[in-house]
């Protein structure tokens, strides 16, 4: 049942210049009461096919170059905000990684490889690794977001002839990182049905990420496939390495400061 209501001014700013949207603040004007039918309308607005999450999702698969170049050229209303997009996708990915035990299994596989090569870590290193993993679990959905500023430095350097601003590279890489994470979200549940996939999931995930980066960069910059693949390797690996170096500097600096103030790391861990 649709229950109409008389709306003569914008509920948000009070303007009387309204139609489907307020001409002053952009607030959507809901002409129906929030019955169940009205609630479905709200859901439809969140995922509408013209300018919502679903439209952006499919567009970044079908033609990432068009979506990203449109956004960089100011056509933003048609697409989902890139920051909101990566936060939603990252949150879903974090849930799957933790619930499917992918992170712990990846660490265990790495330790087993080191043990087979007679490179078993010391008890102190394993304890540090344990605390590091627990920290990563808390912020796993933010890690790709933190990599983007570093990756954007490399994309600005690699594609300097395009003369994009650093901020534009941030937007570009936010979309690409988000979509590559979404691919990981699609692939992750397969570890439940394919025997042995959990052990090689990091390799599969890395390969699919490079493939999507290559596809997206090819679509955006219209260079050769080889150029796009080279860009994908430089941007992703450069961003990852510099991010890890940044984290290491922060951790080492923190440990030095704690030591200077006489704080024992064992007491902190306990």
Protein backbone atom coordinates (compact mmCIF):
# COMPACT_ATOMS: atom_id res chain seq x y z
CA UNK A 1 0.00 0.00 0.00
CA UNK A 2 1.37 3.42 -0.99
CA UNK A 3 0.59 6.22 1.46
CA UNK A 4 1.09 9.67 -0.09
CA UNK A 5 2.10 12.74 1.87
CA UNK A 6 2.04 16.39 0.87
CA UNK A 7 5.57 17.74 0.58
CA UNK A 8 5.81 21.46 -0.16
CA UNK A 9 9.36 22.15 1.03
CA UNK A 10 12.62 20.28 1.42
CA UNK A 11 12.77 18.47 4.80
CA UNK A 12 16.53 19.09 4.88
CA UNK A 13 17.00 22.79 4.04
CA UNK A 14 13.44 24.15 3.82
CA UNK A 15 13.66 25.22 0.16
CA UNK A 16 10.41 25.27 -1.78
CA UNK A 17 12.22 24.73 -5.10
CA UNK A 18 11.72 20.98 -5.17
CA UNK A 19 10.82 18.23 -7.58
CA UNK A 20 12.21 14.69 -7.30
CA UNK A 21 15.26 16.31 -5.67
CA UNK A 22 15.73 19.61 -3.87
CA UNK A 23 17.28 22.18 -6.22
CA UNK A 24 19.28 23.73 -3.37
CA UNK A 25 20.78 20.86 -1.34
CA UNK A 26 20.11 17.81 -3.53
CA UNK A 27 18.00 16.00 -0.92
CA UNK A 28 15.69 13.41 -2.50
CA UNK A 29 12.06 14.27 -1.89
CA UNK A 30 10.12 11.19 -0.80
CA UNK A 31 6.45 11.68 -1.67
CA UNK A 32 5.41 8.46 0.06
CA UNK A 33 5.30 7.57 3.75
CA UNK A 34 7.81 4.97 4.89
CA UNK A 35 5.51 1.98 4.74
CA UNK A 36 7.07 -1.33 3.65
CA UNK A 37 6.72 -0.16 0.05
CA UNK A 38 8.46 3.09 0.98
CA UNK A 39 11.26 1.11 2.64
CA UNK A 40 11.79 -0.81 -0.59
CA UNK A 41 12.09 2.54 -2.37
CA UNK A 42 14.91 3.53 0.01
CA UNK A 43 16.69 0.23 -0.71
CA UNK A 44 16.24 0.86 -4.42
CA UNK A 45 17.85 4.29 -4.06
CA UNK A 46 20.86 2.75 -2.34
CA UNK A 47 21.41 0.22 -5.13
CA UNK A 48 19.75 1.98 -8.04
CA UNK A 49 20.95 0.91 -11.45
CA UNK A 50 21.58 4.47 -12.68
CA UNK A 51 24.01 5.87 -10.13
CA UNK A 52 24.38 3.41 -7.27
CA UNK A 53 26.63 0.70 -5.98
CA UNK A 54 25.47 -1.95 -8.46
CA UNK A 55 25.93 0.35 -11.45
CA UNK A 56 29.49 1.18 -10.38
CA UNK A 57 30.26 -2.48 -9.63
CA UNK A 58 29.24 -3.74 -13.07
CA UNK A 59 30.75 -0.72 -14.81
CA UNK A 60 34.17 -1.38 -13.28
CA UNK A 61 33.99 -4.91 -14.70
CA UNK A 62 32.60 -4.01 -18.11
CA UNK A 63 34.52 -0.82 -18.86
CA UNK A 64 36.68 0.51 -15.99
CA UNK A 65 38.26 3.10 -18.27
CA UNK A 66 34.93 4.76 -19.01
CA UNK A 67 33.84 4.77 -15.35
CA UNK A 68 37.12 6.15 -14.01
CA UNK A 69 37.69 8.68 -16.78
CA UNK A 70 34.09 9.89 -16.40
CA UNK A 71 34.67 10.37 -12.67
CA UNK A 72 37.98 12.19 -13.21
CA UNK A 73 36.27 14.46 -15.75
CA UNK A 74 33.67 15.49 -13.18
CA UNK A 75 30.81 13.13 -13.97
CA UNK A 76 30.51 11.94 -10.38
CA UNK A 77 26.76 11.84 -9.84
CA UNK A 78 26.33 8.71 -11.93
CA UNK A 79 28.71 6.62 -9.81
CA UNK A 80 29.21 5.50 -6.26
CA UNK A 81 31.74 7.47 -4.21
CA UNK A 82 35.09 5.60 -4.52
CA UNK A 83 35.93 5.88 -0.82
CA UNK A 84 32.54 4.53 0.24
CA UNK A 85 32.86 1.84 -2.39
CA UNK A 86 36.20 0.52 -1.15
CA UNK A 87 35.09 0.67 2.49
CA UNK A 88 32.03 -1.47 1.75
CA UNK A 89 33.95 -3.96 -0.37
CA UNK A 90 36.84 -4.02 2.12
CA UNK A 91 34.47 -4.72 4.99
CA UNK A 92 32.96 -7.70 3.15
CA UNK A 93 36.43 -9.00 2.29
CA UNK A 94 37.64 -8.67 5.90
CA UNK A 95 34.63 -10.65 7.11
CA UNK A 96 35.29 -13.46 4.63
CA UNK A 97 39.06 -13.60 5.27
CA UNK A 98 38.56 -13.90 9.00
CA UNK A 99 35.52 -16.18 8.96
CA UNK A 100 37.09 -18.57 6.44
CA UNK A 101 40.39 -18.62 8.34
CA UNK A 102 42.29 -17.55 5.23
CA UNK A 103 44.76 -15.27 7.01
CA UNK A 104 45.79 -17.80 9.66
CA UNK A 105 46.12 -20.55 7.06
CA UNK A 106 48.33 -18.35 4.87
CA UNK A 107 50.64 -17.62 7.82
CA UNK A 108 50.75 -21.31 8.76
CA UNK A 109 51.60 -22.29 5.17
CA UNK A 110 54.43 -19.75 5.08
CA UNK A 111 55.83 -21.03 8.37
CA UNK A 112 55.65 -24.61 7.10
CA UNK A 113 57.59 -23.68 3.95
CA UNK A 114 60.28 -21.99 6.06
CA UNK A 115 60.45 -25.05 8.33
CA UNK A 116 60.86 -27.39 5.35
CA UNK A 117 63.73 -25.19 4.13
CA UNK A 118 65.37 -25.37 7.58
CA UNK A 119 64.60 -21.69 8.12
CA UNK A 120 62.28 -22.04 11.10
CA UNK A 121 61.77 -18.76 12.94
CA UNK A 122 62.89 -18.30 16.52
CA UNK A 123 60.33 -18.41 19.36
CA UNK A 124 60.70 -14.64 19.77
CA UNK A 125 59.99 -14.08 16.06
CA UNK A 126 56.96 -16.37 16.20
CA UNK A 127 55.63 -14.47 19.21
CA UNK A 128 56.10 -11.16 17.40
CA UNK A 129 54.40 -12.65 14.35
CA UNK A 130 51.46 -13.73 16.50
CA UNK A 131 50.91 -10.21 17.82
CA UNK A 132 51.38 -8.79 14.32
CA UNK A 133 48.72 -11.13 12.90
CA UNK A 134 46.28 -10.15 15.65
CA UNK A 135 46.82 -6.50 14.79
CA UNK A 136 46.34 -7.17 11.07
CA UNK A 137 43.07 -8.98 11.83
CA UNK A 138 41.71 -5.86 13.51
CA UNK A 139 42.49 -3.59 10.57
CA UNK A 140 42.52 -5.97 7.58
CA UNK A 141 39.76 -4.01 5.81
CA UNK A 142 41.84 -0.81 5.99
CA UNK A 143 45.14 -2.24 4.69
CA UNK A 144 44.30 -1.82 0.96
CA UNK A 145 43.11 1.71 1.71
CA UNK A 146 46.45 2.51 3.37
CA UNK A 147 48.35 1.11 0.38
CA UNK A 148 46.64 3.45 -2.08
CA UNK A 149 48.65 6.63 -1.30
CA UNK A 150 51.89 4.72 -1.94
CA UNK A 151 50.59 2.99 -5.07
CA UNK A 152 49.42 6.36 -6.38
CA UNK A 153 52.95 7.73 -6.19
CA UNK A 154 54.04 4.95 -8.55
CA UNK A 155 51.09 5.36 -10.92
CA UNK A 156 51.74 9.11 -11.13
CA UNK A 157 55.37 8.37 -12.00
CA UNK A 158 54.62 5.53 -14.43
CA UNK A 159 51.88 7.44 -16.28
CA UNK A 160 53.40 10.90 -15.92
CA UNK A 161 52.71 11.71 -19.59
CA UNK A 162 48.97 11.71 -18.85
CA UNK A 163 49.63 14.71 -16.53
CA UNK A 164 47.07 13.70 -13.92
CA UNK A 165 47.25 15.26 -10.46
CA UNK A 166 48.19 13.08 -7.50
CA UNK A 167 44.63 13.39 -6.19
CA UNK A 168 43.32 12.01 -9.47
CA UNK A 169 45.64 9.04 -9.14
CA UNK A 170 44.25 8.50 -5.62
CA UNK A 171 40.72 8.28 -7.06
CA UNK A 172 41.85 6.08 -9.93
CA UNK A 173 43.62 3.62 -7.64
CA UNK A 174 40.81 3.60 -5.09
CA UNK A 175 38.44 2.31 -7.77
CA UNK A 176 40.96 -0.27 -9.05
CA UNK A 177 41.93 -1.53 -5.60
CA UNK A 178 38.27 -1.78 -4.58
CA UNK A 179 37.36 -3.82 -7.64
CA UNK A 180 40.34 -6.14 -7.21
CA UNK A 181 39.23 -6.71 -3.62
CA UNK A 182 35.73 -7.47 -4.89
CA UNK A 183 37.21 -10.19 -7.11
CA UNK A 184 38.84 -11.64 -3.98
CA UNK A 185 35.43 -11.58 -2.30
CA UNK A 186 33.99 -13.65 -5.16
CA UNK A 187 36.86 -16.14 -5.11
CA UNK A 188 37.23 -16.51 -1.31
CA UNK A 189 34.21 -18.83 -0.73
CA UNK A 190 35.75 -21.34 -3.15
CA UNK A 191 38.18 -22.37 -0.39
CA UNK A 192 35.20 -24.16 1.19
CA UNK A 193 34.52 -26.38 -1.81
CA UNK A 194 37.88 -26.88 -3.56
CA UNK A 195 40.34 -29.09 -1.64
CA UNK A 196 43.78 -27.55 -1.17
CA UNK A 197 42.76 -24.11 -2.42
CA UNK A 198 43.20 -22.52 1.01
CA UNK A 199 46.95 -23.13 0.87
CA UNK A 200 47.35 -21.48 -2.55
CA UNK A 201 44.70 -18.78 -2.09
CA UNK A 202 47.28 -15.96 -1.60
CA UNK A 203 48.93 -16.84 -4.92
CA UNK A 204 45.58 -17.00 -6.72
CA UNK A 205 44.51 -13.72 -5.14
CA UNK A 206 47.76 -12.01 -6.15
CA UNK A 207 47.48 -13.29 -9.73
CA UNK A 208 43.88 -12.13 -10.10
CA UNK A 209 44.79 -8.74 -8.65
CA UNK A 210 47.55 -8.24 -11.23
CA UNK A 211 45.21 -9.38 -14.01
CA UNK A 212 42.52 -6.87 -13.02
CA UNK A 213 45.06 -4.07 -12.59
CA UNK A 214 46.36 -4.84 -16.09
CA UNK A 215 42.83 -4.84 -17.55
CA UNK A 216 41.88 -1.59 -15.79
CA UNK A 217 45.08 0.27 -16.69
CA UNK A 218 44.75 -0.86 -20.31
CA UNK A 219 41.17 0.41 -20.36
CA UNK A 220 42.05 3.75 -18.73
CA UNK A 221 45.26 4.74 -20.48
CA UNK A 222 44.77 2.98 -23.85
CA UNK A 223 48.37 1.77 -24.01
CA UNK A 224 49.59 -1.70 -24.96
CA UNK A 225 48.80 -4.78 -22.85
CA UNK A 226 52.50 -5.08 -22.02
CA UNK A 227 52.54 -1.47 -20.82
CA UNK A 228 49.45 -2.10 -18.71
CA UNK A 229 50.94 -5.25 -17.17
CA UNK A 230 54.21 -3.46 -16.42
CA UNK A 231 52.22 -0.64 -14.83
CA UNK A 232 50.23 -3.14 -12.77
CA UNK A 233 53.40 -4.75 -11.39
CA UNK A 234 55.10 -1.42 -10.67
CA UNK A 235 52.04 0.19 -9.07
CA UNK A 236 50.86 -2.75 -6.97
CA UNK A 237 54.23 -4.11 -5.90
CA UNK A 238 55.72 -0.64 -5.43
CA UNK A 239 52.76 0.40 -3.32
CA UNK A 240 52.94 -2.80 -1.27
CA UNK A 241 56.70 -2.58 -0.65
CA UNK A 242 56.60 1.09 0.31
CA UNK A 243 53.60 0.48 2.56
CA UNK A 244 55.44 -2.33 4.35
CA UNK A 245 58.54 -0.16 4.73
CA UNK A 246 56.35 2.59 6.18
CA UNK A 247 54.82 0.13 8.64
CA UNK A 248 58.26 -1.18 9.61
CA UNK A 249 59.50 2.36 10.26
CA UNK A 250 56.46 3.05 12.45
CA UNK A 251 56.91 -0.22 14.37
CA UNK A 252 60.66 0.21 14.87
CA UNK A 253 60.20 3.84 15.90
CA UNK A 254 57.51 2.79 18.36
CA UNK A 255 59.72 0.07 19.83
CA UNK A 256 62.63 2.51 20.21
CA UNK A 257 60.40 5.04 21.96
CA UNK A 258 58.99 2.37 24.27
CA UNK A 259 62.51 1.24 25.07
CA UNK A 260 63.59 4.81 25.80
CA UNK A 261 60.70 5.17 28.23
CA UNK A 262 61.60 1.85 29.87
CA UNK A 263 58.56 -0.10 28.69
CA UNK A 264 59.20 -3.84 28.37
CA UNK A 265 57.65 -5.36 25.22
CA UNK A 266 56.87 -8.57 27.12
CA UNK A 267 54.83 -6.61 29.67
CA UNK A 268 53.04 -4.83 26.83
CA UNK A 269 52.23 -8.13 25.14
CA UNK A 270 50.91 -9.58 28.35
